[in-house]
Structures are given as structure tokens and as C-alpha cells.
Amino acid sequence: MSSKPKKVEPEKATERPVRPPGKVPEAMVIARHGQGEVTRVGRGFSWGELSGASLSPRLALSWGVRLDSRRRSTLQKNVESLKGWAVHGREARKPERRAKELEEEVEKVAKVVKKEAVKAEKEVAKVEKEVKKEAVRAKKAVKRKTAKPKKKTKKKTES
């Protein structure tokens, strides 16, 4: 009896999705009463609303989202409320991604600040150079005004 060794598959790193914080949104339905329509709270979301919000039914049920399998309508308001609520769960699932985005943003700001600092340093150097030139000119002007007039000496003529 020869038995083949079983292939051991490596375990998949399945990330369990984090349930979004807050209360699960309520599904709204449009009911006909008399000659008008009334919007009221429904039993749950339809399959179309779940797929419109990019949620799998299994994930939605594990998060406590109610599902009404009899409903066939897809209301955009329900899709948007589900998306808005589920986004928090997706963001919580991917903190590394958000951290990376923030790091990139910080790097961009740092580059801009560095460029501005270099510009400011150049301006400061330019102003300092001009101040030094003005100081030298002022010293020369002061020397000219305070300098004693030179005595004129008569040249001796040889006789």
C-alpha cells in the first residue's frame, strides 16, 4: 500500500475585514399608500444595493447588515448610505495604505518647505551682501569727510 504524501498548501494570509464603527444604516423603502408614496424603514437591503455598495452578502451579514431577499428594487440612497458606512471598515482594514499616503503627503510638503527655505537663504545672503557694500560705502564717505586736507608742499627748485 503506497500512499502519496499530501501536499501541504501554505496558509493564505487572509485579512479578516474589520467591521466599520457605528450603527449599521437602515434600509429605506418607498411604499405606496393611497395615491402617494411614503418613504419608510424597510426590512433590509436588497441584493442590488449590496452589490452597488461593493459588499459581498457574506461580509455584509457578518457585519450585521440586514438583508431582504424579497426586495428587487435598488435605491441609490441606500447604496450611498451603505458605501459611506462601509468605507470606514475598508479604511480600518488598510492602515498601512493610509500611512503610506500620509508619508507621501508629508514628503511633498517637506520638499516645498525645503525649496522655500533655500529661496529664503538666498534672499538673506543677497541682502547681507548689499548691507556690507553699503557699510563699506558709508565708511569711505566718512573717511572722505573727516580726512584732513593735505598740505601742499612747495617743490624745491635747485639753484
N, C-alpha and C. Protein backbone atom coordinates (compact mmCIF):
# COMPACT_ATOMS: atom_id res chain seq x y z
N MET A 1 0.83 -1.16 0.00
CA MET A 1 0.00 0.00 0.00
C MET A 1 0.89 1.24 0.00
N SER A 2 0.89 1.91 -1.10
CA SER A 2 1.71 3.11 -1.18
C SER A 2 0.81 4.33 -1.09
N SER A 3 1.17 5.16 -0.22
CA SER A 3 0.37 6.37 -0.06
C SER A 3 1.21 7.57 -0.45
N LYS A 4 0.62 8.40 -1.20
CA LYS A 4 1.32 9.59 -1.63
C LYS A 4 1.28 10.62 -0.51
N PRO A 5 2.39 11.32 -0.35
CA PRO A 5 2.35 12.36 0.68
C PRO A 5 1.40 13.49 0.25
N LYS A 6 0.66 13.95 1.19
CA LYS A 6 -0.29 15.02 0.90
C LYS A 6 0.45 16.33 0.70
N LYS A 7 -0.02 17.07 -0.26
CA LYS A 7 0.56 18.39 -0.48
C LYS A 7 0.05 19.33 0.59
N VAL A 8 0.97 19.97 1.21
CA VAL A 8 0.59 20.92 2.24
C VAL A 8 0.59 22.30 1.60
N GLU A 9 -0.57 22.88 1.52
CA GLU A 9 -0.68 24.20 0.93
C GLU A 9 -0.37 25.25 1.99
N PRO A 10 0.41 26.25 1.60
CA PRO A 10 0.69 27.31 2.57
C PRO A 10 -0.60 28.04 2.92
N GLU A 11 -0.71 28.42 4.16
CA GLU A 11 -1.92 29.12 4.59
C GLU A 11 -1.96 30.49 3.97
N LYS A 12 -3.11 30.80 3.47
CA LYS A 12 -3.28 32.12 2.87
C LYS A 12 -3.40 33.15 3.97
N ALA A 13 -2.76 34.25 3.74
CA ALA A 13 -2.84 35.34 4.72
C ALA A 13 -4.14 36.09 4.50
N THR A 14 -5.20 35.52 5.02
CA THR A 14 -6.50 36.17 4.85
C THR A 14 -6.68 37.21 5.93
N GLU A 15 -6.93 38.39 5.49
CA GLU A 15 -7.13 39.50 6.40
C GLU A 15 -8.61 39.57 6.71
N ARG A 16 -8.96 39.38 7.95
CA ARG A 16 -10.37 39.45 8.30
C ARG A 16 -10.80 40.91 8.29
N PRO A 17 -11.80 41.22 7.48
CA PRO A 17 -12.24 42.62 7.40
C PRO A 17 -12.77 43.10 8.74
N VAL A 18 -12.42 44.31 9.04
CA VAL A 18 -12.86 44.92 10.29
C VAL A 18 -14.22 45.54 10.08
N ARG A 19 -15.11 45.31 11.03
CA ARG A 19 -16.45 45.88 10.95
C ARG A 19 -16.35 47.39 11.13
N PRO A 20 -17.02 48.14 10.27
CA PRO A 20 -16.99 49.60 10.41
C PRO A 20 -17.59 50.03 11.74
N PRO A 21 -17.08 51.10 12.31
CA PRO A 21 -17.64 51.58 13.57
C PRO A 21 -19.01 52.20 13.36
N GLY A 22 -19.74 52.29 14.41
CA GLY A 22 -21.05 52.94 14.34
C GLY A 22 -22.18 51.99 14.05
N LYS A 23 -23.34 52.56 14.03
CA LYS A 23 -24.57 51.79 13.83
C LYS A 23 -24.72 51.44 12.35
N VAL A 24 -25.22 50.24 12.09
CA VAL A 24 -25.49 49.81 10.72
C VAL A 24 -26.62 50.68 10.17
N PRO A 25 -26.47 51.20 8.95
CA PRO A 25 -27.54 52.04 8.41
C PRO A 25 -28.80 51.23 8.16
N GLU A 26 -29.91 51.91 8.20
CA GLU A 26 -31.19 51.24 7.96
C GLU A 26 -31.58 51.40 6.51
N ALA A 27 -32.15 50.33 5.97
CA ALA A 27 -32.62 50.37 4.58
C ALA A 27 -33.93 51.13 4.52
N MET A 28 -34.05 51.99 3.54
CA MET A 28 -35.27 52.75 3.33
C MET A 28 -35.98 52.21 2.09
N VAL A 29 -37.28 52.12 2.16
CA VAL A 29 -38.06 51.66 1.02
C VAL A 29 -39.14 52.69 0.71
N ILE A 30 -39.59 52.66 -0.53
CA ILE A 30 -40.67 53.55 -0.94
C ILE A 30 -41.94 52.71 -1.01
N ALA A 31 -42.89 53.04 -0.16
CA ALA A 31 -44.15 52.29 -0.13
C ALA A 31 -45.26 53.16 -0.70
N ARG A 32 -46.20 52.52 -1.37
CA ARG A 32 -47.33 53.24 -1.96
C ARG A 32 -48.50 53.18 -1.00
N HIS A 33 -48.98 54.34 -0.63
CA HIS A 33 -50.16 54.42 0.24
C HIS A 33 -51.15 55.36 -0.41
N GLY A 34 -52.29 54.84 -0.71
CA GLY A 34 -53.32 55.68 -1.33
C GLY A 34 -52.84 56.15 -2.69
N GLN A 35 -52.80 57.46 -2.86
CA GLN A 35 -52.39 57.99 -4.15
C GLN A 35 -50.97 58.54 -4.11
N GLY A 36 -50.27 58.39 -2.99
CA GLY A 36 -48.91 58.93 -2.88
C GLY A 36 -47.91 57.86 -2.48
N GLU A 37 -46.67 58.28 -2.38
CA GLU A 37 -45.61 57.38 -1.97
C GLU A 37 -45.05 57.85 -0.64
N VAL A 38 -44.67 56.88 0.19
CA VAL A 38 -44.12 57.18 1.50
C VAL A 38 -42.79 56.47 1.63
N THR A 39 -41.79 57.17 2.15
CA THR A 39 -40.51 56.53 2.41
C THR A 39 -40.50 56.08 3.86
N ARG A 40 -40.20 54.80 4.07
CA ARG A 40 -40.19 54.26 5.43
C ARG A 40 -39.00 53.31 5.59
N VAL A 41 -38.76 52.90 6.81
CA VAL A 41 -37.68 51.96 7.09
C VAL A 41 -38.11 50.58 6.62
N GLY A 42 -37.22 49.90 5.88
CA GLY A 42 -37.54 48.58 5.35
C GLY A 42 -36.96 47.46 6.21
N ARG A 43 -37.19 46.23 5.77
CA ARG A 43 -36.69 45.06 6.49
C ARG A 43 -35.18 44.93 6.36
N GLY A 44 -34.67 45.29 5.21
CA GLY A 44 -33.23 45.16 4.97
C GLY A 44 -32.88 45.64 3.58
N PHE A 45 -31.60 45.50 3.24
CA PHE A 45 -31.11 45.94 1.93
C PHE A 45 -31.35 44.85 0.90
N SER A 46 -31.49 45.26 -0.36
CA SER A 46 -31.67 44.30 -1.44
C SER A 46 -30.31 43.83 -1.92
N TRP A 47 -30.31 42.74 -2.71
CA TRP A 47 -29.06 42.22 -3.27
C TRP A 47 -28.39 43.27 -4.14
N GLY A 48 -29.17 43.98 -4.91
CA GLY A 48 -28.64 45.01 -5.80
C GLY A 48 -27.97 46.15 -5.04
N GLU A 49 -28.54 46.50 -3.90
CA GLU A 49 -27.94 47.57 -3.09
C GLU A 49 -26.61 47.12 -2.50
N LEU A 50 -26.53 45.86 -2.09
CA LEU A 50 -25.26 45.34 -1.56
C LEU A 50 -24.19 45.35 -2.65
N SER A 51 -24.55 44.87 -3.84
CA SER A 51 -23.56 44.83 -4.92
C SER A 51 -23.20 46.24 -5.37
N GLY A 52 -24.16 47.16 -5.32
CA GLY A 52 -23.89 48.55 -5.67
C GLY A 52 -22.91 49.20 -4.71
N ALA A 53 -22.92 48.75 -3.46
CA ALA A 53 -22.00 49.28 -2.45
C ALA A 53 -20.71 48.47 -2.39
N SER A 54 -20.55 47.51 -3.31
CA SER A 54 -19.36 46.65 -3.39
C SER A 54 -19.17 45.84 -2.11
N LEU A 55 -20.25 45.31 -1.58
CA LEU A 55 -20.19 44.45 -0.40
C LEU A 55 -20.67 43.07 -0.77
N SER A 56 -19.93 42.06 -0.34
CA SER A 56 -20.41 40.70 -0.58
C SER A 56 -21.49 40.40 0.46
N PRO A 57 -22.47 39.60 0.10
CA PRO A 57 -23.54 39.29 1.06
C PRO A 57 -23.00 38.62 2.32
N ARG A 58 -22.00 37.76 2.18
CA ARG A 58 -21.43 37.07 3.34
C ARG A 58 -20.79 38.08 4.29
N LEU A 59 -20.02 39.01 3.73
CA LEU A 59 -19.37 40.03 4.55
C LEU A 59 -20.41 40.92 5.21
N ALA A 60 -21.42 41.32 4.43
CA ALA A 60 -22.46 42.20 4.97
C ALA A 60 -23.19 41.53 6.12
N LEU A 61 -23.52 40.25 5.97
CA LEU A 61 -24.21 39.53 7.04
C LEU A 61 -23.32 39.38 8.27
N SER A 62 -22.00 39.16 8.05
CA SER A 62 -21.10 39.04 9.19
C SER A 62 -20.96 40.36 9.93
N TRP A 63 -21.18 41.47 9.23
CA TRP A 63 -21.11 42.79 9.86
C TRP A 63 -22.45 43.18 10.49
N GLY A 64 -23.46 42.38 10.29
CA GLY A 64 -24.76 42.67 10.90
C GLY A 64 -25.69 43.48 10.03
N VAL A 65 -25.41 43.54 8.73
CA VAL A 65 -26.28 44.26 7.81
C VAL A 65 -27.47 43.36 7.49
N ARG A 66 -28.67 43.89 7.62
CA ARG A 66 -29.86 43.08 7.35
C ARG A 66 -30.09 42.99 5.85
N LEU A 67 -30.53 41.84 5.41
CA LEU A 67 -30.75 41.59 4.00
C LEU A 67 -32.20 41.17 3.79
N ASP A 68 -32.87 41.79 2.84
CA ASP A 68 -34.25 41.43 2.49
C ASP A 68 -34.20 40.80 1.11
N SER A 69 -34.25 39.50 1.08
CA SER A 69 -34.10 38.77 -0.19
C SER A 69 -35.31 38.95 -1.10
N ARG A 70 -36.44 39.42 -0.58
CA ARG A 70 -37.64 39.59 -1.40
C ARG A 70 -37.64 40.89 -2.18
N ARG A 71 -36.85 41.85 -1.71
CA ARG A 71 -36.83 43.15 -2.39
C ARG A 71 -36.05 43.04 -3.69
N ARG A 72 -36.54 43.69 -4.73
CA ARG A 72 -35.85 43.70 -6.02
C ARG A 72 -35.40 45.11 -6.41
N SER A 73 -35.87 46.10 -5.70
CA SER A 73 -35.53 47.48 -6.05
C SER A 73 -34.14 47.83 -5.53
N THR A 74 -33.51 48.77 -6.21
CA THR A 74 -32.20 49.27 -5.79
C THR A 74 -32.32 50.79 -5.68
N LEU A 75 -32.32 51.27 -4.47
CA LEU A 75 -32.45 52.71 -4.24
C LEU A 75 -31.05 53.30 -4.04
N GLN A 76 -30.76 54.37 -4.78
CA GLN A 76 -29.44 54.99 -4.73
C GLN A 76 -29.12 55.51 -3.33
N LYS A 77 -30.12 55.98 -2.62
CA LYS A 77 -29.91 56.50 -1.26
C LYS A 77 -29.39 55.39 -0.35
N ASN A 78 -29.93 54.17 -0.51
CA ASN A 78 -29.47 53.04 0.30
C ASN A 78 -28.05 52.64 -0.07
N VAL A 79 -27.73 52.67 -1.37
CA VAL A 79 -26.38 52.32 -1.82
C VAL A 79 -25.38 53.31 -1.23
N GLU A 80 -25.71 54.59 -1.28
CA GLU A 80 -24.80 55.62 -0.76
C GLU A 80 -24.62 55.50 0.75
N SER A 81 -25.69 55.20 1.48
CA SER A 81 -25.56 55.07 2.93
C SER A 81 -24.70 53.85 3.28
N LEU A 82 -24.85 52.76 2.53
CA LEU A 82 -24.02 51.58 2.76
C LEU A 82 -22.56 51.86 2.44
N LYS A 83 -22.33 52.54 1.32
CA LYS A 83 -20.95 52.88 0.93
C LYS A 83 -20.30 53.76 1.99
N GLY A 84 -21.02 54.77 2.42
CA GLY A 84 -20.47 55.69 3.43
C GLY A 84 -20.12 54.99 4.72
N TRP A 85 -20.95 54.04 5.11
CA TRP A 85 -20.70 53.30 6.35
C TRP A 85 -19.57 52.30 6.16
N ALA A 86 -19.54 51.61 5.02
CA ALA A 86 -18.55 50.56 4.79
C ALA A 86 -17.16 51.12 4.52
N VAL A 87 -17.06 52.36 4.08
CA VAL A 87 -15.75 52.95 3.82
C VAL A 87 -14.92 52.95 5.09
N HIS A 88 -15.55 53.19 6.24
CA HIS A 88 -14.81 53.20 7.49
C HIS A 88 -14.17 51.84 7.74
N GLY A 89 -14.85 50.76 7.41
CA GLY A 89 -14.31 49.42 7.60
C GLY A 89 -13.14 49.16 6.68
N ARG A 90 -13.24 49.64 5.45
CA ARG A 90 -12.15 49.43 4.50
C ARG A 90 -10.93 50.23 4.90
N GLU A 91 -11.16 51.45 5.41
CA GLU A 91 -10.02 52.25 5.86
C GLU A 91 -9.36 51.61 7.06
N ALA A 92 -10.16 51.04 7.95
CA ALA A 92 -9.60 50.38 9.13
C ALA A 92 -8.82 49.14 8.72
N ARG A 93 -9.23 48.52 7.61
CA ARG A 93 -8.57 47.33 7.13
C ARG A 93 -7.20 47.63 6.56
N LYS A 94 -7.00 48.83 6.06
CA LYS A 94 -5.77 49.15 5.37
C LYS A 94 -5.07 50.36 5.99
N PRO A 95 -4.63 50.25 7.23
CA PRO A 95 -3.96 51.41 7.83
C PRO A 95 -2.61 51.67 7.20
N GLU A 96 -1.95 50.62 6.68
CA GLU A 96 -0.65 50.81 6.06
C GLU A 96 -0.78 51.70 4.83
N ARG A 97 -1.85 51.49 4.09
CA ARG A 97 -2.08 52.28 2.88
C ARG A 97 -2.26 53.75 3.24
N ARG A 98 -3.06 54.01 4.26
CA ARG A 98 -3.29 55.38 4.69
C ARG A 98 -2.00 56.00 5.22
N ALA A 99 -1.22 55.19 5.96
CA ALA A 99 0.05 55.69 6.48
C ALA A 99 0.99 56.05 5.33
N LYS A 100 0.99 55.22 4.30
CA LYS A 100 1.85 55.49 3.15
C LYS A 100 1.43 56.78 2.45
N GLU A 101 0.12 56.96 2.29
CA GLU A 101 -0.39 58.19 1.67
C GLU A 101 0.01 59.41 2.49
N LEU A 102 -0.09 59.29 3.80
CA LEU A 102 0.29 60.41 4.66
C LEU A 102 1.78 60.70 4.57
N GLU A 103 2.60 59.64 4.51
CA GLU A 103 4.04 59.83 4.38
C GLU A 103 4.37 60.56 3.08
N GLU A 104 3.71 60.15 1.98
CA GLU A 104 3.94 60.81 0.70
C GLU A 104 3.55 62.28 0.77
N GLU A 105 2.44 62.56 1.43
CA GLU A 105 1.98 63.93 1.57
C GLU A 105 2.98 64.76 2.38
N VAL A 106 3.50 64.15 3.45
CA VAL A 106 4.49 64.83 4.28
C VAL A 106 5.76 65.10 3.47
N GLU A 107 6.16 64.13 2.65
CA GLU A 107 7.35 64.32 1.82
C GLU A 107 7.16 65.47 0.84
N LYS A 108 5.97 65.56 0.23
CA LYS A 108 5.69 66.65 -0.70
C LYS A 108 5.79 68.00 0.01
N VAL A 109 5.18 68.07 1.18
CA VAL A 109 5.21 69.32 1.94
C VAL A 109 6.65 69.66 2.34
N ALA A 110 7.41 68.62 2.73
CA ALA A 110 8.80 68.85 3.13
C ALA A 110 9.61 69.40 1.96
N LYS A 111 9.37 68.87 0.74
CA LYS A 111 10.09 69.37 -0.43
C LYS A 111 9.78 70.84 -0.68
N VAL A 112 8.49 71.17 -0.57
CA VAL A 112 8.09 72.56 -0.79
C VAL A 112 8.73 73.47 0.26
N VAL A 113 8.71 73.02 1.50
CA VAL A 113 9.30 73.82 2.58
C VAL A 113 10.80 73.98 2.35
N LYS A 114 11.46 72.92 1.91
CA LYS A 114 12.90 72.97 1.66
C LYS A 114 13.20 73.97 0.55
N LYS A 115 12.40 73.93 -0.53
CA LYS A 115 12.61 74.89 -1.63
C LYS A 115 12.44 76.31 -1.13
N GLU A 116 11.40 76.54 -0.33
CA GLU A 116 11.17 77.88 0.21
C GLU A 116 12.31 78.31 1.12
N ALA A 117 12.84 77.37 1.90
CA ALA A 117 13.96 77.69 2.79
C ALA A 117 15.19 78.08 1.98
N VAL A 118 15.45 77.35 0.89
CA VAL A 118 16.60 77.67 0.04
C VAL A 118 16.43 79.06 -0.56
N LYS A 119 15.21 79.37 -1.03
CA LYS A 119 14.94 80.70 -1.58
C LYS A 119 15.18 81.78 -0.52
N ALA A 120 14.70 81.52 0.68
CA ALA A 120 14.85 82.49 1.77
C ALA A 120 16.33 82.69 2.10
N GLU A 121 17.10 81.59 2.13
CA GLU A 121 18.54 81.70 2.42
C GLU A 121 19.24 82.54 1.35
N LYS A 122 18.87 82.33 0.08
CA LYS A 122 19.47 83.12 -1.00
C LYS A 122 19.14 84.59 -0.83
N GLU A 123 17.90 84.88 -0.49
CA GLU A 123 17.49 86.27 -0.28
C GLU A 123 18.27 86.90 0.87
N VAL A 124 18.41 86.14 1.96
CA VAL A 124 19.16 86.65 3.11
C VAL A 124 20.60 86.94 2.72
N ALA A 125 21.23 86.01 1.98
CA ALA A 125 22.61 86.20 1.55
C ALA A 125 22.73 87.44 0.67
N LYS A 126 21.76 87.63 -0.22
CA LYS A 126 21.76 88.79 -1.12
C LYS A 126 21.65 90.09 -0.32
N VAL A 127 20.75 90.11 0.65
CA VAL A 127 20.56 91.31 1.47
C VAL A 127 21.81 91.58 2.30
N GLU A 128 22.40 90.53 2.87
CA GLU A 128 23.62 90.71 3.66
C GLU A 128 24.74 91.29 2.81
N LYS A 129 24.86 90.81 1.58
CA LYS A 129 25.89 91.32 0.67
C LYS A 129 25.66 92.80 0.40
N GLU A 130 24.41 93.19 0.15
CA GLU A 130 24.10 94.59 -0.09
C GLU A 130 24.38 95.45 1.14
N VAL A 131 24.07 94.93 2.31
CA VAL A 131 24.33 95.67 3.56
C VAL A 131 25.83 95.89 3.73
N LYS A 132 26.61 94.87 3.45
CA LYS A 132 28.08 95.01 3.57
C LYS A 132 28.60 96.06 2.59
N LYS A 133 28.09 96.04 1.35
CA LYS A 133 28.51 97.05 0.37
C LYS A 133 28.17 98.45 0.86
N GLU A 134 26.95 98.61 1.39
CA GLU A 134 26.54 99.92 1.90
C GLU A 134 27.42 100.35 3.08
N ALA A 135 27.79 99.40 3.94
CA ALA A 135 28.65 99.73 5.08
C ALA A 135 30.01 100.21 4.60
N VAL A 136 30.56 99.53 3.59
CA VAL A 136 31.87 99.94 3.03
C VAL A 136 31.75 101.32 2.41
N ARG A 137 30.69 101.59 1.66
CA ARG A 137 30.49 102.91 1.05
C ARG A 137 30.38 103.98 2.12
N ALA A 138 29.65 103.68 3.20
CA ALA A 138 29.48 104.66 4.27
C ALA A 138 30.82 104.95 4.95
N LYS A 139 31.62 103.92 5.17
CA LYS A 139 32.93 104.14 5.78
C LYS A 139 33.80 105.02 4.90
N LYS A 140 33.79 104.75 3.61
CA LYS A 140 34.59 105.57 2.69
C LYS A 140 34.11 107.01 2.69
N ALA A 141 32.81 107.21 2.74
CA ALA A 141 32.26 108.57 2.75
C ALA A 141 32.67 109.29 4.04
N VAL A 142 32.63 108.58 5.15
CA VAL A 142 33.02 109.18 6.42
C VAL A 142 34.50 109.54 6.38
N LYS A 143 35.33 108.68 5.82
CA LYS A 143 36.77 108.96 5.73
C LYS A 143 37.01 110.21 4.89
N ARG A 144 36.28 110.34 3.79
CA ARG A 144 36.47 111.50 2.92
C ARG A 144 36.11 112.80 3.63
N LYS A 145 35.05 112.76 4.40
CA LYS A 145 34.61 113.98 5.08
C LYS A 145 35.52 114.33 6.25
N THR A 146 35.99 113.32 6.93
CA THR A 146 36.80 113.59 8.12
C THR A 146 38.28 113.67 7.82
N ALA A 147 38.68 113.37 6.63
CA ALA A 147 40.11 113.38 6.29
C ALA A 147 40.62 114.84 6.31
N LYS A 148 41.81 115.00 6.87
CA LYS A 148 42.42 116.33 6.91
C LYS A 148 42.95 116.66 5.52
N PRO A 149 42.78 117.90 5.17
CA PRO A 149 43.31 118.26 3.85
C PRO A 149 44.83 118.15 3.84
N LYS A 150 45.35 117.69 2.76
CA LYS A 150 46.80 117.51 2.65
C LYS A 150 47.44 118.88 2.45
N LYS A 151 48.56 119.03 3.10
CA LYS A 151 49.29 120.29 2.95
C LYS A 151 50.02 120.26 1.63
N LYS A 152 49.92 121.39 0.99
CA LYS A 152 50.63 121.48 -0.26
C LYS A 152 52.06 121.90 0.04
N THR A 153 52.93 121.14 -0.45
CA THR A 153 54.34 121.45 -0.24
C THR A 153 54.91 122.03 -1.51
N LYS A 154 55.72 123.02 -1.29
CA LYS A 154 56.32 123.63 -2.46
C LYS A 154 57.54 122.81 -2.87
N LYS A 155 57.63 122.69 -4.12
CA LYS A 155 58.76 121.92 -4.63
C LYS A 155 59.99 122.82 -4.57
N LYS A 156 60.99 122.24 -4.11
CA LYS A 156 62.25 122.97 -4.04
C LYS A 156 62.90 122.97 -5.43
N THR A 157 63.28 124.13 -5.79
CA THR A 157 63.94 124.22 -7.09
C THR A 157 65.43 124.31 -6.84
N GLU A 158 66.11 123.68 -7.64
CA GLU A 158 67.57 123.65 -7.48
C GLU A 158 68.16 124.93 -8.07
N SER A 159 68.98 125.55 -7.32
CA SER A 159 69.58 126.78 -7.83
C SER A 159 71.05 126.60 -8.09
